[in-house]
Amino acid sequence: MRSLAHTRLIEGGLGKEFLKAFALSGARSLAVIDVDLPLAQQACREIRSAVKQELGVHDDEVAQVNAWECDVTNKDGVYQTIHEIGTKFGGSIDVFVGAAGICENIPALEYPIDNFKRVTKRKMTALTLGI
């Protein structure tokens, strides 16, 4: 994967793996958003550390990775966060990966329909607001 210095906006835990791939391929401005800011900040540290280790580079050669707290089901919060990210990185968001979700370790045949509805609503709302 070849990547240029564009801004990537990623949400969710799986998004951390996407961000690592973007950073390893040369992206310079990365944003991770999560409803849990400390978790998003930890993801940023892990991404920077992984890139430094895998590429053997110094801090100044690693992508700028920033965390934002945002409930991706809240329209006003999503729009405000997107505006802040655009302002921080001096322009538009070039790539959006909607990876928000809820992880529940329940066997598929026992998975309650209400849980499925809640997870699906969150995912679809986040994707719709993100684009």
Protein backbone atom coordinates (compact mmCIF):
# COMPACT_ATOMS: atom_id res chain seq x y z
CA MET A 1 0.00 0.00 0.00
CA ARG A 2 1.46 3.37 -1.00
CA SER A 3 0.33 6.36 1.00
CA LEU A 4 1.04 10.05 0.68
CA ALA A 5 0.94 12.67 3.41
CA HIS A 6 -2.83 12.91 3.70
CA THR A 7 -5.02 13.13 6.77
CA ARG A 8 -6.66 9.93 7.90
CA LEU A 9 -9.56 9.86 10.35
CA ILE A 10 -10.07 6.55 12.08
CA GLU A 11 -12.57 5.55 14.70
CA GLY A 12 -12.66 2.48 16.87
CA GLY A 13 -10.23 -0.16 18.14
CA LEU A 14 -9.84 -1.97 14.82
CA GLY A 15 -9.03 1.42 13.38
CA LYS A 16 -5.75 1.35 15.30
CA GLU A 17 -4.53 -1.41 13.00
CA PHE A 18 -5.55 0.62 9.95
CA LEU A 19 -3.70 3.64 11.35
CA LYS A 20 -0.56 1.58 11.88
CA ALA A 21 -0.70 0.49 8.25
CA PHE A 22 -1.22 4.07 7.05
CA ALA A 23 1.65 5.33 9.24
CA LEU A 24 3.98 2.56 8.07
CA SER A 25 3.18 3.47 4.46
CA GLY A 26 4.08 7.13 4.93
CA ALA A 27 0.94 8.96 6.06
CA ARG A 28 1.91 11.98 8.16
CA SER A 29 -1.35 13.20 9.79
CA LEU A 30 -3.47 10.65 11.61
CA ALA A 31 -6.51 11.04 13.87
CA VAL A 32 -8.11 8.47 16.09
CA ILE A 33 -11.45 9.16 17.74
CA ASP A 34 -13.10 7.20 20.48
CA VAL A 35 -15.72 7.79 23.14
CA ASP A 36 -12.93 6.93 25.63
CA LEU A 37 -10.19 9.58 25.25
CA PRO A 38 -7.56 7.76 27.35
CA LEU A 39 -8.08 4.69 25.16
CA ALA A 40 -7.63 6.80 22.02
CA GLN A 41 -4.49 8.39 23.48
CA GLN A 42 -3.09 4.95 24.29
CA ALA A 43 -3.78 3.87 20.71
CA CYS A 44 -1.80 6.89 19.48
CA ARG A 45 1.18 5.95 21.66
CA GLU A 46 1.03 2.34 20.46
CA ILE A 47 0.90 3.40 16.81
CA ARG A 48 3.89 5.72 17.16
CA SER A 49 5.85 3.07 19.06
CA ALA A 50 5.06 0.37 16.49
CA VAL A 51 6.12 2.60 13.62
CA LYS A 52 9.37 3.60 15.34
CA GLN A 53 10.16 -0.04 16.07
CA GLU A 54 9.20 -1.48 12.68
CA LEU A 55 10.85 1.24 10.61
CA GLY A 56 13.72 2.01 12.97
CA VAL A 57 13.11 5.76 12.79
CA HIS A 58 13.27 8.68 15.23
CA ASP A 59 10.29 10.54 16.72
CA ASP A 60 10.44 13.34 14.14
CA GLU A 61 10.08 10.80 11.32
CA VAL A 62 6.86 9.27 12.65
CA ALA A 63 3.40 10.42 11.66
CA GLN A 64 1.58 12.97 13.77
CA VAL A 65 -1.04 10.86 15.57
CA ASN A 66 -3.66 12.69 17.59
CA ALA A 67 -6.60 11.54 19.69
CA TRP A 68 -10.07 13.04 19.96
CA GLU A 69 -12.90 12.10 22.28
CA CYS A 70 -16.19 11.75 20.47
CA ASP A 71 -19.40 9.75 20.72
CA VAL A 72 -19.75 8.78 17.07
CA THR A 73 -23.52 8.48 17.44
CA ASN A 74 -23.86 12.16 18.40
CA LYS A 75 -24.31 14.28 15.26
CA ASP A 76 -23.13 17.58 16.73
CA GLY A 77 -20.15 15.92 18.40
CA VAL A 78 -19.12 14.20 15.17
CA TYR A 79 -19.38 17.40 13.13
CA GLN A 80 -17.41 19.36 15.75
CA THR A 81 -14.70 16.69 15.92
CA ILE A 82 -14.37 16.54 12.14
CA HIS A 83 -14.05 20.34 12.06
CA GLU A 84 -11.36 20.26 14.77
CA ILE A 85 -9.41 17.57 12.93
CA GLY A 86 -9.59 19.49 9.67
CA THR A 87 -8.41 22.65 11.43
CA LYS A 88 -5.58 20.82 13.24
CA PHE A 89 -4.22 19.28 10.05
CA GLY A 90 -4.82 22.30 7.85
CA GLY A 91 -7.48 21.07 5.48
CA SER A 92 -9.79 18.26 4.65
CA ILE A 93 -9.87 14.64 5.72
CA ASP A 94 -8.64 12.49 2.86
CA VAL A 95 -9.50 9.03 4.16
CA PHE A 96 -12.21 7.94 6.59
CA VAL A 97 -12.31 4.44 8.02
CA GLY A 98 -15.46 3.71 10.01
CA ALA A 99 -14.39 1.05 12.47
CA ALA A 100 -16.54 1.96 15.47
CA GLY A 101 -18.26 -0.94 17.10
CA ILE A 102 -19.01 -2.86 20.23
CA CYS A 103 -17.20 -6.09 20.98
CA GLU A 104 -19.12 -8.72 22.91
CA ASN A 105 -17.81 -12.20 23.41
CA ILE A 106 -21.07 -14.12 22.98
CA PRO A 107 -21.51 -17.23 20.83
CA ALA A 108 -23.30 -16.35 17.59
CA LEU A 109 -26.22 -18.72 18.13
CA GLU A 110 -26.81 -17.24 21.59
CA TYR A 111 -26.40 -13.60 20.57
CA PRO A 112 -29.47 -11.60 21.74
CA ILE A 113 -31.34 -9.74 19.00
CA ASP A 114 -31.45 -6.58 21.15
CA ASN A 115 -27.64 -6.59 21.31
CA PHE A 116 -27.50 -6.98 17.52
CA LYS A 117 -29.85 -4.02 17.06
CA ARG A 118 -27.79 -1.86 19.43
CA VAL A 119 -24.50 -2.72 17.71
CA THR A 120 -25.97 -2.25 14.23
CA LYS A 121 -27.54 1.10 15.15
CA ARG A 122 -24.22 2.37 16.54
CA LYS A 123 -22.25 1.22 13.51
CA MET A 124 -24.67 2.59 10.92
CA THR A 125 -25.08 5.91 12.74
CA ALA A 126 -21.31 6.35 13.03
CA LEU A 127 -20.79 5.55 9.34
CA THR A 128 -23.58 7.86 8.23
CA LEU A 129 -22.36 10.80 10.33
CA GLY A 130 -18.74 10.18 9.36
CA ILE A 131 -19.37 10.54 5.67
